[in-house]
Amino acid sequence: MKDIGFLRHLLRPLASRKVRVALATVLAAYAAEFGLNAGEELILTILGVGVALILGIAHEDAGKAARGAPLPEPLRERP
């Protein structure tokens, strides 16, 4: 049972949309660099879109907090 708890603890950050977008962005950039032999411009574009998406999610979460709407699970304070 300890292994399941450890696995949950390890995978808990993946519940956040920002973490999933960051992971997908980095994986796409590495794939473009090493798999497709893409140019620097494409890699910077992929990273730029990922950063913009993460900032958009953060802005959305801040708006929800300002309205008093319930935050997604990873953003709630842990006891």
C-alpha atoms as a PDB file:
ATOM      1  CA  MET A   1       0.000   0.000   0.000  1.00  0.00           C
ATOM      2  CA  LYS A   2       2.901   2.367   0.568  1.00  0.00           C
ATOM      3  CA  ASP A   3       3.824   2.078  -3.094  1.00  0.00           C
ATOM      4  CA  ILE A   4       0.396   3.323  -4.160  1.00  0.00           C
ATOM      5  CA  GLY A   5       0.665   6.304  -1.806  1.00  0.00           C
ATOM      6  CA  PHE A   6       4.107   7.115  -3.150  1.00  0.00           C
ATOM      7  CA  LEU A   7       2.854   6.839  -6.719  1.00  0.00           C
ATOM      8  CA  ARG A   8      -0.069   9.162  -5.968  1.00  0.00           C
ATOM      9  CA  HIS A   9       2.311  11.623  -4.345  1.00  0.00           C
ATOM     10  CA  LEU A  10       4.587  11.439  -7.374  1.00  0.00           C
ATOM     11  CA  LEU A  11       1.768  11.928  -9.905  1.00  0.00           C
ATOM     12  CA  ARG A  12      -0.174  14.579  -7.943  1.00  0.00           C
ATOM     13  CA  PRO A  13       1.377  17.530  -9.828  1.00  0.00           C
ATOM     14  CA  LEU A  14      -0.085  16.161 -13.076  1.00  0.00           C
ATOM     15  CA  ALA A  15      -3.519  17.179 -11.800  1.00  0.00           C
ATOM     16  CA  SER A  16      -2.548  20.780 -12.569  1.00  0.00           C
ATOM     17  CA  ARG A  17      -3.235  22.010 -16.096  1.00  0.00           C
ATOM     18  CA  LYS A  18      -0.159  24.233 -15.913  1.00  0.00           C
ATOM     19  CA  VAL A  19       2.117  21.280 -15.160  1.00  0.00           C
ATOM     20  CA  ARG A  20       0.603  19.213 -17.971  1.00  0.00           C
ATOM     21  CA  VAL A  21       1.042  22.079 -20.457  1.00  0.00           C
ATOM     22  CA  ALA A  22       4.619  22.659 -19.312  1.00  0.00           C
ATOM     23  CA  LEU A  23       5.439  18.970 -19.684  1.00  0.00           C
ATOM     24  CA  ALA A  24       3.839  18.785 -23.135  1.00  0.00           C
ATOM     25  CA  THR A  25       5.657  21.945 -24.214  1.00  0.00           C
ATOM     26  CA  VAL A  26       9.059  20.664 -23.160  1.00  0.00           C
ATOM     27  CA  LEU A  27       8.436  17.263 -24.748  1.00  0.00           C
ATOM     28  CA  ALA A  28       7.309  18.900 -28.004  1.00  0.00           C
ATOM     29  CA  ALA A  29      10.386  21.133 -28.040  1.00  0.00           C
ATOM     30  CA  TYR A  30      12.697  18.158 -27.480  1.00  0.00           C
ATOM     31  CA  ALA A  31      10.891  16.163 -30.166  1.00  0.00           C
ATOM     32  CA  ALA A  32      11.229  19.041 -32.607  1.00  0.00           C
ATOM     33  CA  GLU A  33      14.900  19.488 -31.783  1.00  0.00           C
ATOM     34  CA  PHE A  34      16.053  15.890 -31.871  1.00  0.00           C
ATOM     35  CA  GLY A  35      13.384  14.057 -33.852  1.00  0.00           C
ATOM     36  CA  LEU A  36      12.563  16.537 -36.582  1.00  0.00           C
ATOM     37  CA  ASN A  37      15.829  18.466 -36.672  1.00  0.00           C
ATOM     38  CA  ALA A  38      13.729  21.621 -36.629  1.00  0.00           C
ATOM     39  CA  GLY A  39      15.173  25.072 -36.604  1.00  0.00           C
ATOM     40  CA  GLU A  40      15.591  27.327 -33.634  1.00  0.00           C
ATOM     41  CA  GLU A  41      12.583  29.423 -34.650  1.00  0.00           C
ATOM     42  CA  LEU A  42      10.182  26.473 -34.439  1.00  0.00           C
ATOM     43  CA  ILE A  43      11.461  25.459 -31.025  1.00  0.00           C
ATOM     44  CA  LEU A  44      11.154  29.006 -29.705  1.00  0.00           C
ATOM     45  CA  THR A  45       7.637  29.177 -31.158  1.00  0.00           C
ATOM     46  CA  ILE A  46       6.646  25.964 -29.376  1.00  0.00           C
ATOM     47  CA  LEU A  47       8.072  27.246 -26.102  1.00  0.00           C
ATOM     48  CA  GLY A  48       6.423  30.646 -26.577  1.00  0.00           C
ATOM     49  CA  VAL A  49       3.006  29.113 -27.158  1.00  0.00           C
ATOM     50  CA  GLY A  50       3.446  26.918 -24.086  1.00  0.00           C
ATOM     51  CA  VAL A  51       4.400  29.881 -21.923  1.00  0.00           C
ATOM     52  CA  ALA A  52       1.462  31.911 -23.236  1.00  0.00           C
ATOM     53  CA  LEU A  53      -0.917  29.055 -22.464  1.00  0.00           C
ATOM     54  CA  ILE A  54       0.466  28.665 -18.940  1.00  0.00           C
ATOM     55  CA  LEU A  55       0.091  32.404 -18.321  1.00  0.00           C
ATOM     56  CA  GLY A  56      -3.474  32.253 -19.633  1.00  0.00           C
ATOM     57  CA  ILE A  57      -4.307  29.438 -17.227  1.00  0.00           C
ATOM     58  CA  ALA A  58      -2.741  31.380 -14.351  1.00  0.00           C
ATOM     59  CA  HIS A  59      -4.777  34.455 -15.310  1.00  0.00           C
ATOM     60  CA  GLU A  60      -7.944  32.359 -15.399  1.00  0.00           C
ATOM     61  CA  ASP A  61      -7.186  30.886 -11.963  1.00  0.00           C
ATOM     62  CA  ALA A  62      -6.530  34.363 -10.549  1.00  0.00           C
ATOM     63  CA  GLY A  63      -9.867  35.561 -11.925  1.00  0.00           C
ATOM     64  CA  LYS A  64     -11.659  32.650 -10.289  1.00  0.00           C
ATOM     65  CA  ALA A  65      -9.979  33.408  -6.969  1.00  0.00           C
ATOM     66  CA  ALA A  66     -10.944  37.082  -7.197  1.00  0.00           C
ATOM     67  CA  ARG A  67     -14.598  36.179  -7.834  1.00  0.00           C
ATOM     68  CA  GLY A  68     -14.602  33.764  -4.940  1.00  0.00           C
ATOM     69  CA  ALA A  69     -15.260  30.779  -7.171  1.00  0.00           C
ATOM     70  CA  PRO A  70     -13.848  27.464  -5.985  1.00  0.00           C
ATOM     71  CA  LEU A  71     -10.318  26.852  -7.184  1.00  0.00           C
ATOM     72  CA  PRO A  72      -9.220  23.648  -8.897  1.00  0.00           C
ATOM     73  CA  GLU A  73      -8.042  20.939  -6.503  1.00  0.00           C
ATOM     74  CA  PRO A  74      -4.246  21.478  -6.856  1.00  0.00           C
ATOM     75  CA  LEU A  75      -4.586  25.170  -5.940  1.00  0.00           C
ATOM     76  CA  ARG A  76      -6.437  24.626  -2.677  1.00  0.00           C
ATOM     77  CA  GLU A  77      -4.416  24.801   0.479  1.00  0.00           C
ATOM     78  CA  ARG A  78      -3.542  21.474   1.968  1.00  0.00           C
ATOM     79  CA  PRO A  79      -4.308  20.851   5.633  1.00  0.00           C
END
